[in-house]
Amino acid sequence: MMGTKPTHGMLLNVMGYDEANGRITLDEATDKIIFSPPQDPLLPRNMKAIQKITKILGGILFMSRYRSTSVHLLGGCNVASDPSHGVCNPNGQVFKPQSDPQAVHQGLYVCDASLIPGPIGINPCLSILAAAEHVSSHLVEDVLKYKSLNHPTEIPSKSQPRVDGKPMKLMRSPNEVLIKEMMTGQVGDFLVQIILQ
């Protein structure tokens, strides 16, 4: 909070499930984007709990009056077995239903949180990472297959790949992708660094 000492502010966060029925649409008449937030049946109860905690602590509450918020937006390009139920196949490839229900746009992949159809009730960071890793493995397979069909005479480089300037450890197969996430912050007087690999 601006203008206060760090010890005087507190963030209260409630995780849960909403109805996953939010919509983002385009009003063609006005050329404006319209956002309708998802319905959250627990929002009134969560608001009362946060108000109670704030009162007990003797604080002042600042929060959204109309809806809950999200820091991990999920959905939008849901995975499905066919284009009538989603945007992407289980490998993250975008459907091209005009020609064949199973056809995909070659080389077009989605590998982020939009693959996950709705809230999972906990911080979805690792679920998003797992979805991206899954799609990436198929993307790598497709790239290698494409290169072997279109450039069979190319000799792969023998130099060892590097991450952060250090030699990368060998992987189990040439189709794997190494994902590394680093978060840095401060807890009290301590500098904290978390590395997910």
N, C-alpha and C. Protein backbone atom coordinates (compact mmCIF):
# COMPACT_ATOMS: atom_id res chain seq x y z
N MET A 1 0.84 -1.17 0.00
CA MET A 1 0.00 0.00 0.00
C MET A 1 0.89 1.24 0.00
N MET A 2 0.53 2.19 -0.79
CA MET A 2 1.36 3.39 -0.90
C MET A 2 1.22 4.26 0.34
N GLY A 3 2.32 4.86 0.75
CA GLY A 3 2.29 5.81 1.85
C GLY A 3 2.28 5.18 3.22
N THR A 4 2.41 3.87 3.32
CA THR A 4 2.44 3.22 4.63
C THR A 4 3.74 2.45 4.77
N LYS A 5 4.08 2.14 5.99
CA LYS A 5 5.27 1.32 6.22
C LYS A 5 4.92 -0.12 5.85
N PRO A 6 5.92 -0.90 5.40
CA PRO A 6 5.65 -2.29 4.99
C PRO A 6 4.97 -3.12 6.07
N THR A 7 5.21 -2.83 7.33
CA THR A 7 4.63 -3.65 8.40
C THR A 7 3.17 -3.31 8.67
N HIS A 8 2.63 -2.27 8.01
CA HIS A 8 1.25 -1.87 8.27
C HIS A 8 0.26 -2.38 7.22
N GLY A 9 0.74 -3.04 6.20
CA GLY A 9 -0.14 -3.54 5.16
C GLY A 9 -0.19 -5.05 5.18
N MET A 10 -1.33 -5.62 4.77
CA MET A 10 -1.48 -7.06 4.74
C MET A 10 -2.35 -7.44 3.55
N LEU A 11 -1.96 -8.47 2.87
CA LEU A 11 -2.74 -8.97 1.75
C LEU A 11 -3.46 -10.23 2.19
N LEU A 12 -4.76 -10.23 2.04
CA LEU A 12 -5.57 -11.42 2.36
C LEU A 12 -6.03 -12.02 1.03
N ASN A 13 -5.76 -13.30 0.86
CA ASN A 13 -6.06 -13.98 -0.39
C ASN A 13 -6.88 -15.23 -0.10
N VAL A 14 -7.94 -15.43 -0.87
CA VAL A 14 -8.78 -16.62 -0.72
C VAL A 14 -8.77 -17.34 -2.06
N MET A 15 -8.42 -18.61 -2.05
CA MET A 15 -8.42 -19.40 -3.29
C MET A 15 -9.65 -20.31 -3.29
N GLY A 16 -10.14 -20.56 -4.48
CA GLY A 16 -11.30 -21.44 -4.55
C GLY A 16 -11.75 -21.64 -5.98
N TYR A 17 -12.99 -22.03 -6.13
CA TYR A 17 -13.58 -22.34 -7.43
C TYR A 17 -14.64 -21.31 -7.77
N ASP A 18 -14.64 -20.84 -9.01
CA ASP A 18 -15.79 -20.08 -9.47
C ASP A 18 -16.52 -20.97 -10.48
N GLU A 19 -17.56 -20.46 -11.08
CA GLU A 19 -18.36 -21.28 -11.99
C GLU A 19 -17.72 -21.46 -13.37
N ALA A 20 -16.59 -20.81 -13.63
CA ALA A 20 -15.89 -20.88 -14.92
C ALA A 20 -16.82 -20.52 -16.07
N ASN A 21 -17.72 -19.55 -15.83
CA ASN A 21 -18.67 -19.15 -16.86
C ASN A 21 -18.46 -17.70 -17.29
N GLY A 22 -17.30 -17.15 -17.02
CA GLY A 22 -16.99 -15.80 -17.47
C GLY A 22 -16.89 -15.74 -18.99
N ARG A 23 -17.13 -14.59 -19.56
CA ARG A 23 -17.10 -14.44 -21.02
C ARG A 23 -16.38 -13.16 -21.41
N ILE A 24 -15.62 -13.25 -22.48
CA ILE A 24 -15.04 -12.08 -23.12
C ILE A 24 -15.57 -12.09 -24.55
N THR A 25 -16.32 -11.06 -24.91
CA THR A 25 -16.93 -11.01 -26.24
C THR A 25 -16.64 -9.66 -26.89
N LEU A 26 -16.84 -9.60 -28.18
CA LEU A 26 -16.66 -8.37 -28.93
C LEU A 26 -18.02 -7.86 -29.36
N ASP A 27 -18.34 -6.64 -28.98
CA ASP A 27 -19.56 -5.98 -29.44
C ASP A 27 -19.23 -5.37 -30.80
N GLU A 28 -19.68 -6.02 -31.85
CA GLU A 28 -19.32 -5.59 -33.21
C GLU A 28 -19.88 -4.22 -33.55
N ALA A 29 -21.01 -3.84 -32.94
CA ALA A 29 -21.60 -2.54 -33.24
C ALA A 29 -20.72 -1.40 -32.72
N THR A 30 -20.13 -1.58 -31.52
CA THR A 30 -19.31 -0.52 -30.94
C THR A 30 -17.81 -0.83 -31.04
N ASP A 31 -17.48 -2.04 -31.49
CA ASP A 31 -16.08 -2.47 -31.60
C ASP A 31 -15.38 -2.45 -30.24
N LYS A 32 -16.14 -2.78 -29.18
CA LYS A 32 -15.58 -2.81 -27.83
C LYS A 32 -15.61 -4.23 -27.27
N ILE A 33 -14.63 -4.50 -26.43
CA ILE A 33 -14.56 -5.80 -25.75
C ILE A 33 -15.41 -5.73 -24.49
N ILE A 34 -16.24 -6.75 -24.28
CA ILE A 34 -17.12 -6.81 -23.11
C ILE A 34 -16.68 -7.98 -22.25
N PHE A 35 -16.44 -7.69 -20.97
CA PHE A 35 -16.02 -8.72 -20.02
C PHE A 35 -17.14 -8.97 -19.03
N SER A 36 -17.59 -10.21 -18.95
CA SER A 36 -18.57 -10.63 -17.95
C SER A 36 -17.86 -11.58 -17.01
N PRO A 37 -17.63 -11.19 -15.74
CA PRO A 37 -16.87 -12.04 -14.83
C PRO A 37 -17.62 -13.33 -14.49
N PRO A 38 -16.89 -14.37 -14.10
CA PRO A 38 -17.54 -15.61 -13.71
C PRO A 38 -18.31 -15.44 -12.41
N GLN A 39 -19.31 -16.27 -12.24
CA GLN A 39 -20.08 -16.27 -11.00
C GLN A 39 -19.31 -17.04 -9.93
N ASP A 40 -19.18 -16.46 -8.78
CA ASP A 40 -18.45 -17.10 -7.68
C ASP A 40 -19.42 -17.23 -6.51
N PRO A 41 -20.02 -18.42 -6.32
CA PRO A 41 -21.02 -18.58 -5.26
C PRO A 41 -20.46 -18.38 -3.85
N LEU A 42 -19.14 -18.52 -3.68
CA LEU A 42 -18.55 -18.35 -2.35
C LEU A 42 -18.08 -16.93 -2.07
N LEU A 43 -18.16 -16.03 -3.07
CA LEU A 43 -17.65 -14.68 -2.89
C LEU A 43 -18.27 -13.96 -1.70
N PRO A 44 -19.60 -13.97 -1.51
CA PRO A 44 -20.17 -13.27 -0.33
C PRO A 44 -19.62 -13.83 1.00
N ARG A 45 -19.49 -15.14 1.08
CA ARG A 45 -18.97 -15.76 2.30
C ARG A 45 -17.49 -15.40 2.51
N ASN A 46 -16.71 -15.41 1.42
CA ASN A 46 -15.30 -15.03 1.52
C ASN A 46 -15.15 -13.58 1.95
N MET A 47 -16.01 -12.70 1.41
CA MET A 47 -15.94 -11.28 1.77
C MET A 47 -16.24 -11.09 3.26
N LYS A 48 -17.23 -11.81 3.78
CA LYS A 48 -17.56 -11.70 5.21
C LYS A 48 -16.39 -12.18 6.08
N ALA A 49 -15.74 -13.27 5.66
CA ALA A 49 -14.60 -13.79 6.43
C ALA A 49 -13.45 -12.78 6.44
N ILE A 50 -13.17 -12.17 5.29
CA ILE A 50 -12.09 -11.19 5.22
C ILE A 50 -12.43 -9.94 6.03
N GLN A 51 -13.70 -9.53 6.00
CA GLN A 51 -14.13 -8.38 6.81
C GLN A 51 -13.96 -8.68 8.30
N LYS A 52 -14.28 -9.90 8.70
CA LYS A 52 -14.15 -10.29 10.11
C LYS A 52 -12.68 -10.27 10.54
N ILE A 53 -11.81 -10.82 9.70
CA ILE A 53 -10.37 -10.82 10.01
C ILE A 53 -9.84 -9.40 10.12
N THR A 54 -10.26 -8.54 9.20
CA THR A 54 -9.81 -7.14 9.21
C THR A 54 -10.26 -6.45 10.49
N LYS A 55 -11.50 -6.70 10.91
CA LYS A 55 -12.03 -6.07 12.13
C LYS A 55 -11.25 -6.54 13.36
N ILE A 56 -10.97 -7.84 13.43
CA ILE A 56 -10.22 -8.39 14.57
C ILE A 56 -8.83 -7.77 14.64
N LEU A 57 -8.21 -7.54 13.47
CA LEU A 57 -6.87 -6.97 13.42
C LEU A 57 -6.87 -5.45 13.57
N GLY A 58 -8.07 -4.83 13.56
CA GLY A 58 -8.16 -3.38 13.68
C GLY A 58 -7.72 -2.65 12.43
N GLY A 59 -7.91 -3.28 11.29
CA GLY A 59 -7.44 -2.69 10.03
C GLY A 59 -8.54 -2.02 9.23
N ILE A 60 -8.14 -1.52 8.08
CA ILE A 60 -9.06 -0.91 7.12
C ILE A 60 -9.01 -1.80 5.88
N LEU A 61 -10.17 -2.17 5.38
CA LEU A 61 -10.25 -3.11 4.26
C LEU A 61 -10.43 -2.39 2.93
N PHE A 62 -9.59 -2.71 1.97
CA PHE A 62 -9.74 -2.25 0.60
C PHE A 62 -9.90 -3.49 -0.26
N MET A 63 -11.04 -3.62 -0.96
CA MET A 63 -11.24 -4.78 -1.82
C MET A 63 -12.28 -4.49 -2.88
N SER A 64 -12.29 -5.35 -3.88
CA SER A 64 -13.26 -5.23 -4.97
C SER A 64 -14.66 -5.45 -4.43
N ARG A 65 -15.57 -4.56 -4.77
CA ARG A 65 -16.93 -4.66 -4.28
C ARG A 65 -17.79 -5.60 -5.12
N TYR A 66 -17.42 -5.77 -6.39
CA TYR A 66 -18.32 -6.42 -7.32
C TYR A 66 -17.97 -7.86 -7.68
N ARG A 67 -16.71 -8.21 -7.63
CA ARG A 67 -16.35 -9.56 -8.05
C ARG A 67 -15.00 -9.93 -7.49
N SER A 68 -14.69 -11.19 -7.58
CA SER A 68 -13.37 -11.65 -7.19
C SER A 68 -12.40 -11.35 -8.32
N THR A 69 -11.14 -11.49 -8.04
CA THR A 69 -10.12 -11.25 -9.05
C THR A 69 -9.32 -12.53 -9.26
N SER A 70 -8.47 -12.51 -10.26
CA SER A 70 -7.65 -13.68 -10.53
C SER A 70 -6.27 -13.23 -10.96
N VAL A 71 -5.27 -13.95 -10.51
CA VAL A 71 -3.91 -13.68 -10.96
C VAL A 71 -3.44 -14.75 -11.94
N HIS A 72 -4.17 -15.84 -12.03
CA HIS A 72 -3.87 -16.90 -12.99
C HIS A 72 -5.13 -17.12 -13.83
N LEU A 73 -5.24 -16.42 -14.93
CA LEU A 73 -6.43 -16.57 -15.76
C LEU A 73 -6.35 -17.89 -16.51
N LEU A 74 -7.36 -18.71 -16.34
CA LEU A 74 -7.40 -20.04 -16.94
C LEU A 74 -8.50 -20.10 -17.99
N GLY A 75 -8.33 -20.99 -18.96
CA GLY A 75 -9.37 -21.23 -19.96
C GLY A 75 -9.25 -20.31 -21.16
N GLY A 76 -10.11 -20.55 -22.12
CA GLY A 76 -10.12 -19.75 -23.34
C GLY A 76 -9.74 -20.57 -24.56
N CYS A 77 -8.82 -21.50 -24.40
CA CYS A 77 -8.40 -22.39 -25.49
C CYS A 77 -8.42 -23.83 -24.95
N ASN A 78 -9.55 -24.22 -24.41
CA ASN A 78 -9.66 -25.50 -23.73
C ASN A 78 -9.26 -26.68 -24.60
N VAL A 79 -8.69 -27.69 -23.93
CA VAL A 79 -8.33 -28.94 -24.59
C VAL A 79 -9.58 -29.80 -24.71
N ALA A 80 -9.75 -30.43 -25.86
CA ALA A 80 -10.90 -31.32 -26.09
C ALA A 80 -10.52 -32.36 -27.13
N SER A 81 -11.38 -33.35 -27.27
CA SER A 81 -11.13 -34.39 -28.27
C SER A 81 -11.56 -33.96 -29.66
N ASP A 82 -12.42 -32.93 -29.75
CA ASP A 82 -12.85 -32.44 -31.06
C ASP A 82 -13.19 -30.95 -30.95
N PRO A 83 -13.26 -30.24 -32.09
CA PRO A 83 -13.47 -28.80 -32.06
C PRO A 83 -14.84 -28.34 -31.56
N SER A 84 -15.80 -29.24 -31.46
CA SER A 84 -17.11 -28.83 -30.94
C SER A 84 -17.07 -28.63 -29.43
N HIS A 85 -16.03 -29.12 -28.77
CA HIS A 85 -15.93 -29.00 -27.31
C HIS A 85 -14.71 -28.20 -26.84
N GLY A 86 -13.85 -27.79 -27.75
CA GLY A 86 -12.66 -27.05 -27.35
C GLY A 86 -11.90 -26.48 -28.54
N VAL A 87 -10.79 -25.83 -28.24
CA VAL A 87 -9.99 -25.16 -29.26
C VAL A 87 -8.79 -26.00 -29.69
N CYS A 88 -8.23 -26.75 -28.73
CA CYS A 88 -6.99 -27.50 -28.98
C CYS A 88 -7.17 -28.98 -28.72
N ASN A 89 -6.36 -29.79 -29.41
CA ASN A 89 -6.32 -31.22 -29.10
C ASN A 89 -5.44 -31.42 -27.85
N PRO A 90 -5.36 -32.62 -27.32
CA PRO A 90 -4.57 -32.84 -26.09
C PRO A 90 -3.08 -32.51 -26.22
N ASN A 91 -2.58 -32.35 -27.44
CA ASN A 91 -1.18 -31.98 -27.64
C ASN A 91 -0.99 -30.48 -27.81
N GLY A 92 -2.07 -29.70 -27.60
CA GLY A 92 -1.98 -28.25 -27.69
C GLY A 92 -2.08 -27.69 -29.09
N GLN A 93 -2.32 -28.55 -30.09
CA GLN A 93 -2.45 -28.08 -31.47
C GLN A 93 -3.85 -27.51 -31.68
N VAL A 94 -3.93 -26.37 -32.35
CA VAL A 94 -5.21 -25.69 -32.58
C VAL A 94 -5.97 -26.40 -33.71
N PHE A 95 -7.23 -26.73 -33.43
CA PHE A 95 -8.07 -27.41 -34.43
C PHE A 95 -8.29 -26.52 -35.66
N LYS A 96 -8.44 -27.19 -36.81
CA LYS A 96 -8.78 -26.53 -38.07
C LYS A 96 -10.01 -27.27 -38.61
N PRO A 97 -11.17 -27.01 -38.02
CA PRO A 97 -12.35 -27.85 -38.30
C PRO A 97 -12.98 -27.65 -39.67
N GLN A 98 -12.56 -26.64 -40.43
CA GLN A 98 -13.20 -26.40 -41.72
C GLN A 98 -13.02 -27.59 -42.67
N SER A 99 -11.88 -28.25 -42.60
CA SER A 99 -11.62 -29.35 -43.53
C SER A 99 -11.97 -30.71 -42.94
N ASP A 100 -11.60 -30.94 -41.69
CA ASP A 100 -11.77 -32.24 -41.05
C ASP A 100 -11.82 -31.99 -39.54
N PRO A 101 -12.74 -32.60 -38.81
CA PRO A 101 -12.84 -32.34 -37.37
C PRO A 101 -11.56 -32.62 -36.58
N GLN A 102 -10.70 -33.50 -37.07
CA GLN A 102 -9.46 -33.80 -36.37
C GLN A 102 -8.26 -33.03 -36.92
N ALA A 103 -8.45 -32.26 -37.99
CA ALA A 103 -7.34 -31.51 -38.61
C ALA A 103 -6.90 -30.39 -37.68
N VAL A 104 -5.62 -30.05 -37.75
CA VAL A 104 -5.06 -28.98 -36.94
C VAL A 104 -4.29 -28.01 -37.83
N HIS A 105 -4.11 -26.79 -37.33
CA HIS A 105 -3.26 -25.81 -38.01
C HIS A 105 -1.81 -26.22 -37.74
N GLN A 106 -1.09 -26.58 -38.80
CA GLN A 106 0.29 -27.04 -38.64
C GLN A 106 1.16 -25.95 -38.02
N GLY A 107 1.89 -26.33 -36.97
CA GLY A 107 2.82 -25.42 -36.32
C GLY A 107 2.20 -24.43 -35.36
N LEU A 108 0.88 -24.48 -35.14
CA LEU A 108 0.22 -23.55 -34.22
C LEU A 108 -0.16 -24.30 -32.94
N TYR A 109 0.50 -23.93 -31.86
CA TYR A 109 0.31 -24.59 -30.57
C TYR A 109 -0.09 -23.57 -29.51
N VAL A 110 -0.84 -24.02 -28.53
CA VAL A 110 -1.13 -23.23 -27.33
C VAL A 110 -0.51 -24.00 -26.18
N CYS A 111 0.32 -23.34 -25.39
CA CYS A 111 0.97 -24.07 -24.29
C CYS A 111 1.02 -23.21 -23.03
N ASP A 112 -0.12 -22.64 -22.66
CA ASP A 112 -0.17 -21.81 -21.45
C ASP A 112 -1.43 -22.14 -20.64
N ALA A 113 -1.78 -21.26 -19.72
CA ALA A 113 -2.89 -21.50 -18.81
C ALA A 113 -4.24 -21.56 -19.51
N SER A 114 -4.33 -21.07 -20.73
CA SER A 114 -5.62 -21.09 -21.42
C SER A 114 -6.07 -22.50 -21.80
N LEU A 115 -5.18 -23.49 -21.73
CA LEU A 115 -5.55 -24.89 -21.99
C LEU A 115 -6.41 -25.47 -20.86
N ILE A 116 -6.23 -24.97 -19.65
CA ILE A 116 -6.92 -25.50 -18.47
C ILE A 116 -8.31 -24.89 -18.42
N PRO A 117 -9.37 -25.69 -18.45
CA PRO A 117 -10.71 -25.17 -18.65
C PRO A 117 -11.28 -24.30 -17.53
N GLY A 118 -10.80 -24.42 -16.31
CA GLY A 118 -11.38 -23.63 -15.23
C GLY A 118 -10.56 -23.75 -13.97
N PRO A 119 -11.03 -23.12 -12.90
CA PRO A 119 -10.26 -23.09 -11.65
C PRO A 119 -10.06 -24.48 -11.06
N ILE A 120 -8.89 -24.68 -10.46
CA ILE A 120 -8.58 -25.97 -9.87
C ILE A 120 -8.54 -25.91 -8.35
N GLY A 121 -8.77 -24.73 -7.78
CA GLY A 121 -8.91 -24.60 -6.33
C GLY A 121 -7.63 -24.32 -5.57
N ILE A 122 -6.49 -24.50 -6.20
CA ILE A 122 -5.21 -24.21 -5.58
C ILE A 122 -4.41 -23.35 -6.54
N ASN A 123 -3.25 -22.88 -6.13
CA ASN A 123 -2.40 -22.12 -7.03
C ASN A 123 -2.07 -23.02 -8.23
N PRO A 124 -2.44 -22.60 -9.44
CA PRO A 124 -2.28 -23.47 -10.61
C PRO A 124 -0.91 -23.41 -11.27
N CYS A 125 0.07 -22.77 -10.63
CA CYS A 125 1.38 -22.58 -11.25
C CYS A 125 1.97 -23.90 -11.77
N LEU A 126 1.98 -24.92 -10.95
CA LEU A 126 2.59 -26.19 -11.37
C LEU A 126 1.72 -26.92 -12.40
N SER A 127 0.40 -26.75 -12.33
CA SER A 127 -0.48 -27.36 -13.34
C SER A 127 -0.25 -26.70 -14.70
N ILE A 128 -0.08 -25.39 -14.70
CA ILE A 128 0.21 -24.67 -15.94
C ILE A 128 1.56 -25.14 -16.50
N LEU A 129 2.53 -25.27 -15.62
CA LEU A 129 3.86 -25.73 -16.01
C LEU A 129 3.79 -27.14 -16.60
N ALA A 130 3.02 -28.02 -15.98
CA ALA A 130 2.88 -29.40 -16.48
C ALA A 130 2.22 -29.41 -17.86
N ALA A 131 1.18 -28.59 -18.04
CA ALA A 131 0.52 -28.52 -19.36
C ALA A 131 1.49 -28.01 -20.42
N ALA A 132 2.27 -26.98 -20.08
CA ALA A 132 3.24 -26.42 -21.03
C ALA A 132 4.32 -27.44 -21.36
N GLU A 133 4.77 -28.18 -20.37
CA GLU A 133 5.80 -29.20 -20.60
C GLU A 133 5.27 -30.31 -21.51
N HIS A 134 4.03 -30.72 -21.27
CA HIS A 134 3.42 -31.76 -22.10
C HIS A 134 3.34 -31.30 -23.56
N VAL A 135 2.81 -30.10 -23.78
CA VAL A 135 2.69 -29.58 -25.14
C VAL A 135 4.07 -29.41 -25.77
N SER A 136 5.03 -28.91 -24.99
CA SER A 136 6.38 -28.69 -25.52
C SER A 136 7.01 -29.98 -26.01
N SER A 137 6.78 -31.07 -25.30
CA SER A 137 7.37 -32.34 -25.73
C SER A 137 6.82 -32.75 -27.10
N HIS A 138 5.53 -32.54 -27.33
CA HIS A 138 4.94 -32.87 -28.63
C HIS A 138 5.40 -31.88 -29.70
N LEU A 139 5.56 -30.63 -29.33
CA LEU A 139 6.06 -29.63 -30.27
C LEU A 139 7.47 -30.01 -30.73
N VAL A 140 8.32 -30.41 -29.79
CA VAL A 140 9.68 -30.82 -30.14
C VAL A 140 9.66 -32.03 -31.07
N GLU A 141 8.82 -33.02 -30.78
CA GLU A 141 8.71 -34.19 -31.65
C GLU A 141 8.30 -33.78 -33.06
N ASP A 142 7.32 -32.87 -33.17
CA ASP A 142 6.86 -32.43 -34.49
C ASP A 142 7.95 -31.67 -35.23
N VAL A 143 8.70 -30.83 -34.52
CA VAL A 143 9.79 -30.08 -35.16
C VAL A 143 10.86 -31.04 -35.66
N LEU A 144 11.24 -32.02 -34.85
CA LEU A 144 12.25 -32.99 -35.27
C LEU A 144 11.78 -33.80 -36.46
N LYS A 145 10.51 -34.19 -36.45
CA LYS A 145 9.94 -34.94 -37.57
C LYS A 145 9.95 -34.08 -38.83
N TYR A 146 9.56 -32.81 -38.71
CA TYR A 146 9.56 -31.90 -39.85
C TYR A 146 10.97 -31.71 -40.40
N LYS A 147 11.94 -31.49 -39.49
CA LYS A 147 13.32 -31.28 -39.93
C LYS A 147 13.88 -32.52 -40.62
N SER A 148 13.56 -33.72 -40.11
CA SER A 148 14.09 -34.94 -40.73
C SER A 148 13.48 -35.18 -42.11
N LEU A 149 12.22 -34.75 -42.30
CA LEU A 149 11.59 -34.92 -43.62
C LEU A 149 12.04 -33.86 -44.62
N ASN A 150 12.27 -32.63 -44.15
CA ASN A 150 12.58 -31.52 -45.06
C ASN A 150 14.06 -31.17 -45.15
N HIS A 151 14.85 -31.58 -44.18
CA HIS A 151 16.29 -31.27 -44.18
C HIS A 151 17.08 -32.50 -43.73
N PRO A 152 16.98 -33.62 -44.46
CA PRO A 152 17.62 -34.86 -44.00
C PRO A 152 19.14 -34.82 -43.99
N THR A 153 19.75 -33.88 -44.73
CA THR A 153 21.21 -33.87 -44.80
C THR A 153 21.84 -33.02 -43.71
N GLU A 154 21.05 -32.28 -42.94
CA GLU A 154 21.61 -31.45 -41.88
C GLU A 154 22.21 -32.31 -40.79
N ILE A 155 23.36 -31.93 -40.31
CA ILE A 155 24.02 -32.64 -39.22
C ILE A 155 23.78 -31.85 -37.94
N PRO A 156 23.21 -32.47 -36.90
CA PRO A 156 22.95 -31.73 -35.67
C PRO A 156 24.25 -31.24 -35.04
N SER A 157 24.18 -30.09 -34.39
CA SER A 157 25.34 -29.50 -33.73
C SER A 157 25.78 -30.38 -32.58
N LYS A 158 27.10 -30.52 -32.42
CA LYS A 158 27.62 -31.34 -31.32
C LYS A 158 27.92 -30.51 -30.08
N SER A 159 27.71 -29.19 -30.15
CA SER A 159 27.97 -28.37 -28.97
C SER A 159 26.90 -28.63 -27.92
N GLN A 160 27.32 -28.65 -26.67
CA GLN A 160 26.40 -28.95 -25.58
C GLN A 160 25.55 -27.73 -25.27
N PRO A 161 24.21 -27.91 -25.16
CA PRO A 161 23.35 -26.78 -24.83
C PRO A 161 23.70 -26.24 -23.44
N ARG A 162 23.44 -24.93 -23.24
CA ARG A 162 23.78 -24.29 -21.98
C ARG A 162 22.55 -23.59 -21.41
N VAL A 163 22.43 -23.57 -20.09
CA VAL A 163 21.39 -22.85 -19.37
C VAL A 163 22.09 -21.95 -18.38
N ASP A 164 21.79 -20.66 -18.40
CA ASP A 164 22.44 -19.67 -17.53
C ASP A 164 23.96 -19.76 -17.63
N GLY A 165 24.48 -20.03 -18.82
CA GLY A 165 25.92 -20.08 -19.04
C GLY A 165 26.59 -21.36 -18.58
N LYS A 166 25.82 -22.28 -17.98
CA LYS A 166 26.40 -23.54 -17.50
C LYS A 166 25.94 -24.68 -18.41
N PRO A 167 26.80 -25.70 -18.60
CA PRO A 167 26.37 -26.84 -19.44
C PRO A 167 25.12 -27.48 -18.86
N MET A 168 24.16 -27.77 -19.73
CA MET A 168 22.91 -28.39 -19.30
C MET A 168 23.13 -29.88 -19.10
N LYS A 169 22.55 -30.44 -18.04
CA LYS A 169 22.72 -31.87 -17.83
C LYS A 169 22.00 -32.64 -18.92
N LEU A 170 22.53 -33.81 -19.24
CA LEU A 170 21.95 -34.61 -20.31
C LEU A 170 20.57 -35.08 -19.92
N MET A 171 19.68 -35.11 -20.90
CA MET A 171 18.31 -35.53 -20.66
C MET A 171 18.12 -36.97 -21.11
N ARG A 172 17.01 -37.55 -20.69
CA ARG A 172 16.75 -38.95 -21.01
C ARG A 172 16.51 -39.17 -22.50
N SER A 173 15.91 -38.20 -23.18
CA SER A 173 15.66 -38.36 -24.62
C SER A 173 15.85 -37.01 -25.29
N PRO A 174 16.07 -37.00 -26.60
CA PRO A 174 16.28 -35.73 -27.30
C PRO A 174 14.99 -34.91 -27.42
N ASN A 175 13.84 -35.46 -27.02
CA ASN A 175 12.58 -34.75 -27.15
C ASN A 175 12.19 -34.00 -25.89
N GLU A 176 13.01 -34.03 -24.86
CA GLU A 176 12.64 -33.38 -23.61
C GLU A 176 12.99 -31.90 -23.64
N VAL A 177 12.25 -31.14 -22.85
CA VAL A 177 12.48 -29.72 -22.73
C VAL A 177 12.73 -29.42 -21.27
N LEU A 178 13.75 -28.63 -20.99
CA LEU A 178 14.06 -28.23 -19.62
C LEU A 178 13.37 -26.92 -19.34
N ILE A 179 12.55 -26.89 -18.29
CA ILE A 179 11.86 -25.67 -17.89
C ILE A 179 12.39 -25.26 -16.53
N LYS A 180 12.81 -24.02 -16.42
CA LYS A 180 13.36 -23.52 -15.17
C LYS A 180 12.65 -22.22 -14.83
N GLU A 181 12.11 -22.13 -13.60
CA GLU A 181 11.46 -20.91 -13.15
C GLU A 181 12.12 -20.48 -11.86
N MET A 182 12.44 -19.19 -11.77
CA MET A 182 13.08 -18.68 -10.56
C MET A 182 12.25 -17.53 -10.03
N MET A 183 11.90 -17.60 -8.74
CA MET A 183 11.16 -16.53 -8.08
C MET A 183 12.03 -15.98 -6.96
N THR A 184 12.14 -14.67 -6.88
CA THR A 184 12.94 -14.02 -5.85
C THR A 184 12.06 -13.03 -5.11
N GLY A 185 12.20 -12.98 -3.81
CA GLY A 185 11.43 -12.04 -3.01
C GLY A 185 12.02 -11.89 -1.63
N GLN A 186 11.30 -11.21 -0.78
CA GLN A 186 11.79 -10.97 0.56
C GLN A 186 10.72 -11.36 1.56
N VAL A 187 11.12 -12.10 2.58
CA VAL A 187 10.24 -12.46 3.68
C VAL A 187 10.87 -11.87 4.93
N GLY A 188 10.24 -10.84 5.48
CA GLY A 188 10.84 -10.13 6.61
C GLY A 188 12.16 -9.52 6.17
N ASP A 189 13.21 -9.84 6.88
CA ASP A 189 14.54 -9.32 6.54
C ASP A 189 15.34 -10.30 5.68
N PHE A 190 14.73 -11.40 5.26
CA PHE A 190 15.45 -12.44 4.54
C PHE A 190 15.13 -12.39 3.05
N LEU A 191 16.18 -12.46 2.24
CA LEU A 191 16.01 -12.58 0.80
C LEU A 191 15.77 -14.06 0.48
N VAL A 192 14.72 -14.37 -0.26
CA VAL A 192 14.34 -15.75 -0.55
C VAL A 192 14.38 -15.95 -2.07
N GLN A 193 14.93 -17.07 -2.49
CA GLN A 193 14.96 -17.42 -3.90
C GLN A 193 14.51 -18.86 -4.05
N ILE A 194 13.50 -19.07 -4.90
CA ILE A 194 12.97 -20.41 -5.15
C ILE A 194 13.24 -20.74 -6.60
N ILE A 195 13.80 -21.92 -6.85
CA ILE A 195 14.06 -22.35 -8.22
C ILE A 195 13.30 -23.64 -8.47
N LEU A 196 12.42 -23.62 -9.45
CA LEU A 196 11.67 -24.81 -9.87
C LEU A 196 12.32 -25.32 -11.15
N GLN A 197 12.68 -26.58 -11.17
CA GLN A 197 13.33 -27.12 -12.35
C GLN A 197 12.83 -28.50 -12.61
